[in-house]
Structures are given as C-alpha cells and as structure tokens.
N, C-alpha and C. Protein backbone atom coordinates (compact mmCIF):
# COMPACT_ATOMS: atom_id res chain seq x y z
N MET A 1 148.07 257.03 36.89
CA MET A 1 148.60 256.57 38.15
C MET A 1 147.46 255.99 38.99
N ALA A 2 147.68 254.81 39.51
CA ALA A 2 146.66 254.15 40.34
C ALA A 2 146.54 254.85 41.68
N PRO A 3 145.31 254.92 42.21
CA PRO A 3 145.15 255.54 43.53
C PRO A 3 145.85 254.72 44.61
N VAL A 4 146.30 255.39 45.66
CA VAL A 4 146.96 254.74 46.78
C VAL A 4 145.90 254.19 47.72
N VAL A 5 146.11 252.98 48.19
CA VAL A 5 145.21 252.34 49.14
C VAL A 5 145.76 252.53 50.55
N TYR A 6 144.94 253.04 51.44
CA TYR A 6 145.30 253.24 52.84
C TYR A 6 144.51 252.24 53.69
N ILE A 7 145.22 251.39 54.40
CA ILE A 7 144.56 250.42 55.27
C ILE A 7 145.09 250.62 56.69
N ALA A 8 144.16 250.84 57.62
CA ALA A 8 144.53 251.02 59.02
C ALA A 8 144.58 249.67 59.72
N VAL A 9 145.58 249.51 60.54
CA VAL A 9 145.66 248.35 61.43
C VAL A 9 145.49 248.90 62.84
N ILE A 10 144.44 248.46 63.50
CA ILE A 10 144.10 248.96 64.82
C ILE A 10 144.13 247.81 65.81
N GLY A 11 144.46 248.10 67.06
CA GLY A 11 144.48 247.03 68.05
C GLY A 11 145.11 247.47 69.35
N GLY A 12 145.25 246.51 70.22
CA GLY A 12 145.72 246.76 71.58
C GLY A 12 147.16 247.22 71.67
N SER A 13 147.43 247.96 72.73
CA SER A 13 148.80 248.44 72.95
C SER A 13 149.60 247.46 73.81
N GLU A 14 148.93 246.59 74.52
CA GLU A 14 149.59 245.53 75.30
C GLU A 14 149.08 244.20 74.76
N ILE A 15 150.00 243.46 74.11
CA ILE A 15 149.57 242.26 73.39
C ILE A 15 150.49 241.07 73.69
N SER A 16 149.99 239.90 73.37
CA SER A 16 150.76 238.67 73.54
C SER A 16 151.71 238.50 72.35
N PRO A 17 152.70 237.64 72.50
CA PRO A 17 153.59 237.34 71.36
C PRO A 17 152.83 236.79 70.15
N GLU A 18 151.77 236.02 70.39
CA GLU A 18 150.96 235.48 69.29
C GLU A 18 150.29 236.61 68.50
N VAL A 19 149.71 237.55 69.21
CA VAL A 19 149.04 238.69 68.55
C VAL A 19 150.07 239.55 67.83
N ALA A 20 151.24 239.75 68.44
CA ALA A 20 152.30 240.52 67.78
C ALA A 20 152.71 239.87 66.47
N ALA A 21 152.83 238.56 66.46
CA ALA A 21 153.20 237.84 65.23
C ALA A 21 152.12 238.01 64.16
N GLN A 22 150.86 237.96 64.56
CA GLN A 22 149.78 238.16 63.60
C GLN A 22 149.81 239.57 63.03
N ALA A 23 150.02 240.56 63.88
CA ALA A 23 150.07 241.95 63.43
C ALA A 23 151.25 242.18 62.48
N ARG A 24 152.41 241.60 62.80
CA ARG A 24 153.57 241.73 61.90
C ARG A 24 153.27 241.13 60.54
N GLU A 25 152.62 239.98 60.53
CA GLU A 25 152.29 239.34 59.26
C GLU A 25 151.27 240.15 58.48
N VAL A 26 150.30 240.74 59.15
CA VAL A 26 149.35 241.63 58.47
C VAL A 26 150.10 242.80 57.84
N GLY A 27 151.02 243.40 58.58
CA GLY A 27 151.82 244.51 58.04
C GLY A 27 152.60 244.09 56.81
N ARG A 28 153.22 242.91 56.86
CA ARG A 28 153.97 242.41 55.70
C ARG A 28 153.05 242.22 54.49
N GLU A 29 151.90 241.60 54.74
CA GLU A 29 150.95 241.32 53.64
C GLU A 29 150.45 242.62 53.01
N LEU A 30 150.17 243.62 53.82
CA LEU A 30 149.70 244.90 53.27
C LEU A 30 150.80 245.58 52.46
N ALA A 31 152.03 245.53 52.95
CA ALA A 31 153.16 246.12 52.23
C ALA A 31 153.37 245.42 50.89
N ARG A 32 153.25 244.10 50.88
CA ARG A 32 153.42 243.34 49.62
C ARG A 32 152.40 243.76 48.58
N ARG A 33 151.23 244.16 49.04
CA ARG A 33 150.17 244.59 48.12
C ARG A 33 150.32 246.06 47.71
N GLY A 34 151.19 246.79 48.41
CA GLY A 34 151.41 248.20 48.08
C GLY A 34 150.55 249.17 48.86
N ALA A 35 149.89 248.70 49.90
CA ALA A 35 149.05 249.59 50.71
C ALA A 35 149.92 250.45 51.63
N VAL A 36 149.44 251.64 51.94
CA VAL A 36 150.02 252.45 53.01
C VAL A 36 149.32 252.00 54.28
N LEU A 37 150.10 251.61 55.28
CA LEU A 37 149.57 251.16 56.55
C LEU A 37 149.40 252.35 57.48
N LEU A 38 148.18 252.56 57.95
CA LEU A 38 147.90 253.59 58.95
C LEU A 38 147.76 252.92 60.30
N CYS A 39 148.17 253.61 61.35
CA CYS A 39 147.97 253.10 62.70
C CYS A 39 148.04 254.26 63.67
N GLY A 40 147.85 253.95 64.95
CA GLY A 40 147.90 254.96 65.99
C GLY A 40 149.29 255.36 66.42
N GLY A 41 150.30 254.67 65.86
CA GLY A 41 151.68 255.11 66.02
C GLY A 41 152.42 254.72 67.29
N LEU A 42 151.75 254.05 68.21
CA LEU A 42 152.43 253.71 69.46
C LEU A 42 152.83 252.23 69.45
N GLY A 43 152.70 251.52 70.59
CA GLY A 43 153.19 250.16 70.71
C GLY A 43 152.14 249.10 70.41
N GLY A 44 152.45 247.87 70.80
CA GLY A 44 151.52 246.76 70.63
C GLY A 44 151.26 246.43 69.18
N VAL A 45 149.99 246.28 68.84
CA VAL A 45 149.59 245.95 67.47
C VAL A 45 150.13 246.99 66.49
N MET A 46 150.11 248.26 66.89
CA MET A 46 150.55 249.33 66.00
C MET A 46 152.02 249.17 65.63
N ALA A 47 152.87 248.92 66.61
CA ALA A 47 154.31 248.76 66.35
C ALA A 47 154.58 247.48 65.58
N ALA A 48 153.90 246.40 65.94
CA ALA A 48 154.14 245.12 65.26
C ALA A 48 153.74 245.20 63.79
N ALA A 49 152.60 245.82 63.49
CA ALA A 49 152.17 245.96 62.10
C ALA A 49 153.13 246.84 61.31
N ALA A 50 153.55 247.95 61.92
CA ALA A 50 154.52 248.84 61.25
C ALA A 50 155.85 248.12 61.03
N GLN A 51 156.25 247.28 61.98
CA GLN A 51 157.48 246.51 61.82
C GLN A 51 157.35 245.56 60.63
N GLY A 52 156.23 244.87 60.52
CA GLY A 52 156.01 243.98 59.40
C GLY A 52 156.03 244.71 58.07
N ALA A 53 155.39 245.88 58.03
CA ALA A 53 155.39 246.68 56.80
C ALA A 53 156.81 247.08 56.43
N ARG A 54 157.58 247.53 57.41
CA ARG A 54 158.97 247.94 57.14
C ARG A 54 159.79 246.75 56.63
N GLU A 55 159.64 245.59 57.24
CA GLU A 55 160.38 244.40 56.83
C GLU A 55 160.09 244.02 55.38
N ALA A 56 158.89 244.32 54.92
CA ALA A 56 158.51 244.00 53.54
C ALA A 56 158.70 245.18 52.59
N GLY A 57 159.34 246.25 53.07
CA GLY A 57 159.62 247.40 52.21
C GLY A 57 158.45 248.35 52.03
N GLY A 58 157.47 248.29 52.94
CA GLY A 58 156.29 249.13 52.81
C GLY A 58 156.40 250.44 53.55
N VAL A 59 155.32 251.21 53.47
CA VAL A 59 155.23 252.53 54.09
C VAL A 59 154.17 252.47 55.19
N SER A 60 154.49 253.06 56.35
CA SER A 60 153.52 253.14 57.44
C SER A 60 153.46 254.57 57.97
N LEU A 61 152.26 254.95 58.37
CA LEU A 61 152.01 256.30 58.87
C LEU A 61 151.31 256.17 60.21
N GLY A 62 151.92 256.73 61.26
CA GLY A 62 151.32 256.72 62.58
C GLY A 62 150.66 258.05 62.88
N ILE A 63 149.42 258.00 63.32
CA ILE A 63 148.68 259.19 63.71
C ILE A 63 148.62 259.16 65.24
N LEU A 64 149.51 259.92 65.85
CA LEU A 64 149.75 259.84 67.29
C LEU A 64 148.69 260.57 68.11
N PRO A 65 148.41 260.07 69.32
CA PRO A 65 147.41 260.73 70.16
C PRO A 65 147.94 261.98 70.86
N ASP A 66 149.25 262.10 70.98
CA ASP A 66 149.79 263.24 71.71
C ASP A 66 150.58 264.16 70.78
N GLY A 67 151.21 265.16 71.37
CA GLY A 67 151.90 266.17 70.58
C GLY A 67 153.39 265.92 70.41
N ASP A 68 153.88 264.76 70.78
CA ASP A 68 155.32 264.49 70.77
C ASP A 68 155.64 263.34 69.83
N ARG A 69 156.20 263.65 68.67
CA ARG A 69 156.54 262.60 67.70
C ARG A 69 157.62 261.66 68.22
N ARG A 70 158.35 262.05 69.23
CA ARG A 70 159.39 261.17 69.79
C ARG A 70 158.79 259.92 70.43
N ARG A 71 157.51 259.94 70.75
CA ARG A 71 156.86 258.77 71.33
C ARG A 71 156.45 257.75 70.29
N ALA A 72 156.58 258.08 69.03
CA ALA A 72 156.19 257.17 67.95
C ALA A 72 157.03 255.90 67.99
N ASN A 73 156.44 254.81 67.57
CA ASN A 73 157.22 253.56 67.53
C ASN A 73 158.29 253.67 66.45
N PRO A 74 159.40 252.95 66.61
CA PRO A 74 160.55 253.15 65.72
C PRO A 74 160.39 252.55 64.32
N PHE A 75 159.28 251.86 64.06
CA PHE A 75 159.12 251.19 62.77
C PHE A 75 158.33 252.03 61.75
N LEU A 76 157.80 253.16 62.18
CA LEU A 76 157.01 254.00 61.29
C LEU A 76 157.88 254.67 60.24
N THR A 77 157.31 254.85 59.07
CA THR A 77 157.96 255.65 58.03
C THR A 77 157.74 257.12 58.33
N TYR A 78 156.51 257.46 58.69
CA TYR A 78 156.12 258.84 59.00
C TYR A 78 155.22 258.83 60.23
N SER A 79 155.22 259.96 60.95
CA SER A 79 154.30 260.09 62.08
C SER A 79 153.75 261.51 62.11
N ILE A 80 152.51 261.61 62.59
CA ILE A 80 151.85 262.90 62.73
C ILE A 80 151.44 263.05 64.19
N ALA A 81 151.93 264.08 64.84
CA ALA A 81 151.56 264.37 66.23
C ALA A 81 150.29 265.21 66.22
N THR A 82 149.23 264.71 66.87
CA THR A 82 147.95 265.40 66.81
C THR A 82 147.57 266.14 68.10
N ASN A 83 148.06 265.66 69.25
CA ASN A 83 147.66 266.18 70.55
C ASN A 83 146.13 266.12 70.73
N LEU A 84 145.50 265.10 70.14
CA LEU A 84 144.05 264.94 70.20
C LEU A 84 143.61 263.81 71.12
N GLY A 85 144.54 263.08 71.73
CA GLY A 85 144.15 261.94 72.56
C GLY A 85 143.39 260.91 71.74
N HIS A 86 142.35 260.35 72.34
CA HIS A 86 141.57 259.32 71.65
C HIS A 86 140.78 259.87 70.47
N ALA A 87 140.62 261.17 70.40
CA ALA A 87 139.92 261.75 69.26
C ALA A 87 140.66 261.50 67.95
N ARG A 88 141.95 261.14 68.03
CA ARG A 88 142.70 260.82 66.82
C ARG A 88 142.13 259.58 66.15
N ASN A 89 141.33 258.77 66.88
CA ASN A 89 140.70 257.60 66.28
C ASN A 89 139.79 257.99 65.12
N VAL A 90 139.19 259.15 65.22
CA VAL A 90 138.33 259.65 64.14
C VAL A 90 139.18 259.91 62.89
N LEU A 91 140.37 260.47 63.07
CA LEU A 91 141.26 260.73 61.93
C LEU A 91 141.66 259.43 61.25
N ILE A 92 141.97 258.41 62.05
CA ILE A 92 142.35 257.12 61.49
C ILE A 92 141.19 256.52 60.70
N ALA A 93 140.01 256.53 61.29
CA ALA A 93 138.84 255.95 60.61
C ALA A 93 138.52 256.69 59.31
N HIS A 94 138.60 258.01 59.33
CA HIS A 94 138.30 258.78 58.12
C HIS A 94 139.37 258.60 57.05
N SER A 95 140.63 258.44 57.45
CA SER A 95 141.73 258.37 56.49
C SER A 95 141.87 257.01 55.82
N ALA A 96 141.39 255.97 56.46
CA ALA A 96 141.56 254.61 55.94
C ALA A 96 140.48 254.28 54.91
N ASP A 97 140.89 253.49 53.91
CA ASP A 97 139.91 252.93 52.96
C ASP A 97 139.28 251.67 53.53
N ALA A 98 140.01 250.99 54.41
CA ALA A 98 139.53 249.81 55.13
C ALA A 98 140.36 249.70 56.40
N LEU A 99 139.87 248.94 57.36
CA LEU A 99 140.58 248.76 58.63
C LEU A 99 140.66 247.28 58.98
N ILE A 100 141.74 246.92 59.64
CA ILE A 100 141.90 245.57 60.19
C ILE A 100 142.07 245.73 61.69
N ALA A 101 141.16 245.15 62.46
CA ALA A 101 141.22 245.17 63.92
C ALA A 101 141.85 243.87 64.40
N ILE A 102 142.91 243.99 65.19
CA ILE A 102 143.58 242.82 65.75
C ILE A 102 143.60 242.99 67.26
N ASP A 103 142.92 242.08 67.96
CA ASP A 103 142.87 242.14 69.41
C ASP A 103 142.27 243.49 69.82
N GLY A 104 142.65 244.04 70.93
CA GLY A 104 142.21 245.37 71.31
C GLY A 104 140.99 245.39 72.21
N SER A 105 140.76 246.56 72.76
CA SER A 105 139.67 246.76 73.71
C SER A 105 138.90 248.02 73.34
N TYR A 106 138.61 248.88 74.30
CA TYR A 106 137.73 250.02 74.07
C TYR A 106 138.19 250.96 72.96
N GLY A 107 139.47 251.30 72.94
CA GLY A 107 139.96 252.20 71.89
C GLY A 107 139.81 251.59 70.51
N THR A 108 140.11 250.31 70.39
CA THR A 108 139.97 249.61 69.11
C THR A 108 138.51 249.52 68.71
N VAL A 109 137.65 249.21 69.68
CA VAL A 109 136.22 249.14 69.39
C VAL A 109 135.72 250.50 68.91
N SER A 110 136.21 251.59 69.52
CA SER A 110 135.75 252.92 69.10
C SER A 110 136.18 253.21 67.66
N GLU A 111 137.41 252.87 67.32
CA GLU A 111 137.87 253.08 65.93
C GLU A 111 137.04 252.27 64.95
N ALA A 112 136.80 251.00 65.30
CA ALA A 112 136.02 250.13 64.41
C ALA A 112 134.59 250.65 64.27
N ALA A 113 133.99 251.08 65.38
CA ALA A 113 132.61 251.58 65.34
C ALA A 113 132.50 252.85 64.50
N ILE A 114 133.45 253.75 64.65
CA ILE A 114 133.45 254.97 63.84
C ILE A 114 133.57 254.62 62.36
N ALA A 115 134.50 253.72 62.05
CA ALA A 115 134.70 253.32 60.65
C ALA A 115 133.43 252.69 60.08
N LEU A 116 132.81 251.81 60.82
CA LEU A 116 131.58 251.17 60.35
C LEU A 116 130.47 252.21 60.16
N LYS A 117 130.39 253.17 61.07
CA LYS A 117 129.40 254.26 60.94
C LYS A 117 129.63 255.05 59.66
N LEU A 118 130.91 255.20 59.27
CA LEU A 118 131.25 255.91 58.04
C LEU A 118 131.09 255.05 56.78
N GLY A 119 130.73 253.78 56.97
CA GLY A 119 130.58 252.88 55.83
C GLY A 119 131.88 252.25 55.37
N LYS A 120 132.91 252.30 56.24
CA LYS A 120 134.21 251.71 55.88
C LYS A 120 134.20 250.23 56.27
N PRO A 121 134.83 249.39 55.46
CA PRO A 121 134.94 247.97 55.83
C PRO A 121 135.92 247.77 56.98
N VAL A 122 135.55 246.91 57.92
CA VAL A 122 136.40 246.57 59.06
C VAL A 122 136.51 245.05 59.13
N ILE A 123 137.75 244.58 59.08
CA ILE A 123 138.04 243.15 59.14
C ILE A 123 138.57 242.86 60.55
N ALA A 124 138.04 241.83 61.19
CA ALA A 124 138.44 241.47 62.55
C ALA A 124 139.29 240.21 62.55
N LEU A 125 140.41 240.28 63.25
CA LEU A 125 141.31 239.14 63.41
C LEU A 125 141.65 239.02 64.89
N HIS A 126 141.29 237.91 65.49
CA HIS A 126 141.63 237.66 66.90
C HIS A 126 141.00 238.71 67.82
N VAL A 127 139.72 239.00 67.61
CA VAL A 127 139.00 239.92 68.50
C VAL A 127 137.89 239.16 69.22
N ALA A 128 137.66 239.51 70.48
CA ALA A 128 136.65 238.85 71.29
C ALA A 128 135.30 239.55 71.22
N TRP A 129 135.26 240.75 70.68
CA TRP A 129 134.03 241.53 70.64
C TRP A 129 133.42 241.46 69.23
N ASP A 130 132.19 241.95 69.13
CA ASP A 130 131.49 241.92 67.84
C ASP A 130 130.73 243.23 67.65
N LEU A 131 130.67 243.67 66.42
CA LEU A 131 129.87 244.83 66.02
C LEU A 131 129.14 244.47 64.73
N PRO A 132 127.92 244.96 64.54
CA PRO A 132 127.23 244.69 63.28
C PRO A 132 128.05 245.24 62.10
N GLY A 133 128.22 244.41 61.08
CA GLY A 133 128.97 244.82 59.89
C GLY A 133 130.42 244.39 59.91
N LEU A 134 130.92 243.93 61.04
CA LEU A 134 132.30 243.47 61.17
C LEU A 134 132.48 242.19 60.37
N GLN A 135 133.54 242.12 59.56
CA GLN A 135 133.87 240.89 58.83
C GLN A 135 134.99 240.19 59.58
N ARG A 136 134.93 238.88 59.66
CA ARG A 136 135.95 238.12 60.39
C ARG A 136 136.90 237.43 59.44
N ALA A 137 138.16 237.36 59.85
CA ALA A 137 139.20 236.64 59.11
C ALA A 137 139.86 235.65 60.05
N ALA A 138 140.29 234.52 59.51
CA ALA A 138 140.91 233.48 60.34
C ALA A 138 142.42 233.61 60.40
N THR A 139 143.02 234.25 59.40
CA THR A 139 144.48 234.35 59.34
C THR A 139 144.89 235.76 58.94
N PRO A 140 146.15 236.14 59.21
CA PRO A 140 146.63 237.45 58.76
C PRO A 140 146.53 237.62 57.25
N ALA A 141 146.86 236.59 56.49
CA ALA A 141 146.78 236.69 55.02
C ALA A 141 145.35 236.92 54.56
N GLU A 142 144.40 236.24 55.20
CA GLU A 142 143.00 236.43 54.84
C GLU A 142 142.54 237.84 55.21
N ALA A 143 142.95 238.33 56.38
CA ALA A 143 142.58 239.68 56.80
C ALA A 143 143.10 240.72 55.81
N ALA A 144 144.36 240.58 55.39
CA ALA A 144 144.95 241.53 54.44
C ALA A 144 144.24 241.45 53.09
N ALA A 145 143.94 240.25 52.64
CA ALA A 145 143.27 240.08 51.34
C ALA A 145 141.87 240.69 51.37
N LEU A 146 141.12 240.43 52.44
CA LEU A 146 139.77 241.00 52.55
C LEU A 146 139.82 242.52 52.62
N ALA A 147 140.76 243.05 53.41
CA ALA A 147 140.87 244.51 53.52
C ALA A 147 141.28 245.13 52.19
N TRP A 148 142.23 244.52 51.50
CA TRP A 148 142.69 245.04 50.21
C TRP A 148 141.53 245.06 49.20
N GLU A 149 140.80 243.97 49.14
CA GLU A 149 139.66 243.89 48.20
C GLU A 149 138.60 244.93 48.56
N ALA A 150 138.27 245.02 49.84
CA ALA A 150 137.26 245.98 50.28
C ALA A 150 137.72 247.41 50.05
N ALA A 151 138.98 247.70 50.34
CA ALA A 151 139.52 249.05 50.14
C ALA A 151 139.52 249.41 48.66
N SER A 152 139.89 248.48 47.83
CA SER A 152 139.93 248.73 46.39
C SER A 152 138.54 249.06 45.86
N ASP A 153 137.52 248.43 46.45
CA ASP A 153 136.14 248.71 46.05
C ASP A 153 135.70 250.11 46.48
N GLN A 154 136.37 250.70 47.47
CA GLN A 154 136.04 252.02 47.99
C GLN A 154 136.67 253.17 47.19
N LEU A 155 137.67 252.84 46.40
CA LEU A 155 138.44 253.88 45.71
C LEU A 155 137.66 254.48 44.54
N PRO A 156 137.88 255.75 44.25
CA PRO A 156 137.23 256.35 43.09
C PRO A 156 137.80 255.76 41.80
N VAL A 157 136.97 255.67 40.81
CA VAL A 157 137.39 255.15 39.52
C VAL A 157 138.12 256.27 38.76
N ALA A 158 139.30 255.95 38.23
CA ALA A 158 140.08 256.95 37.46
C ALA A 158 139.34 257.26 36.16
N SER A 159 139.36 258.53 35.78
CA SER A 159 138.66 258.92 34.54
C SER A 159 139.62 259.00 33.38
C-alpha cells in the first residue's frame, strides 16, 4: 500500500473572489492526485480549498484553533477541535508533508516559517511576503504539482 500524502493549504481567512478561486482549484488539483488536504478548518482559503477537494471527491481534514467542531467550515471531511488557538499552526506544519500558502498574513507566515524550520517544502501562490526557502508557483496547478512532487520526496520508502 502506498503511503498517504498530506498537503496543507494555508492562507487568509478573509480573501478576495480571485484568491478563493485559486484556493478551490488547488483543492481540486490535490484531490485529483489523491492527497489528503490539511487546513486550519475555518473560512477563507481554508474553506475554499476544502470545497475544491470535496468537489473533486477528495478528503480534507481541518485542524481547528478552538474547542468547538461546529465552527468548522462545511466542506471538510473531518475536523479536529484542538482548543490551542494559533498554536494549532504547529500541528498543521508537523502533520503536512508539504504546504501551499495562498495569500494570508501573520498566521500564514507563522505556519510557513514553522514548516520551513522543520525542513518541509512550502509553495507560495499569490503571497506578498517572502521567506528563505519558499518556492513560488504562478498557478494553482503548478502549486499543486510542486507540492505533490516535494511531498512525495519526503515520504519514507516502502520496504
């Protein structure tokens, strides 16, 4: 059995229609490849990516900042209530094989920085900020392809 690839989609909770469309397409592309989509479980980029994954028949897992699963966006397959606030960003970074950052501000930067510190690949799409080690993508399809390839390189080899 092939190992499961987990790719986190991180980004802003208040986004433009253009960014929402990009996040939905990233979610669709990841689902088509068979990745489990991880996210913070709330609105904005997180909801749009989970919606795209659902539309393509994929699985999404939201790691929520609070203790109430009822706050999860309606497109998630599963949600985990952590009651950890922003500290849940560490769980997302550790759980993902690769991350795709779309838009976002301080919370997204913190997730990306933690992931990079852990040696995880982070692909940036439509972000205004920069971090050493960040890879840039021009389109949702390119972001998904780069993340899939990078995540696959991170997986243990089956014996």
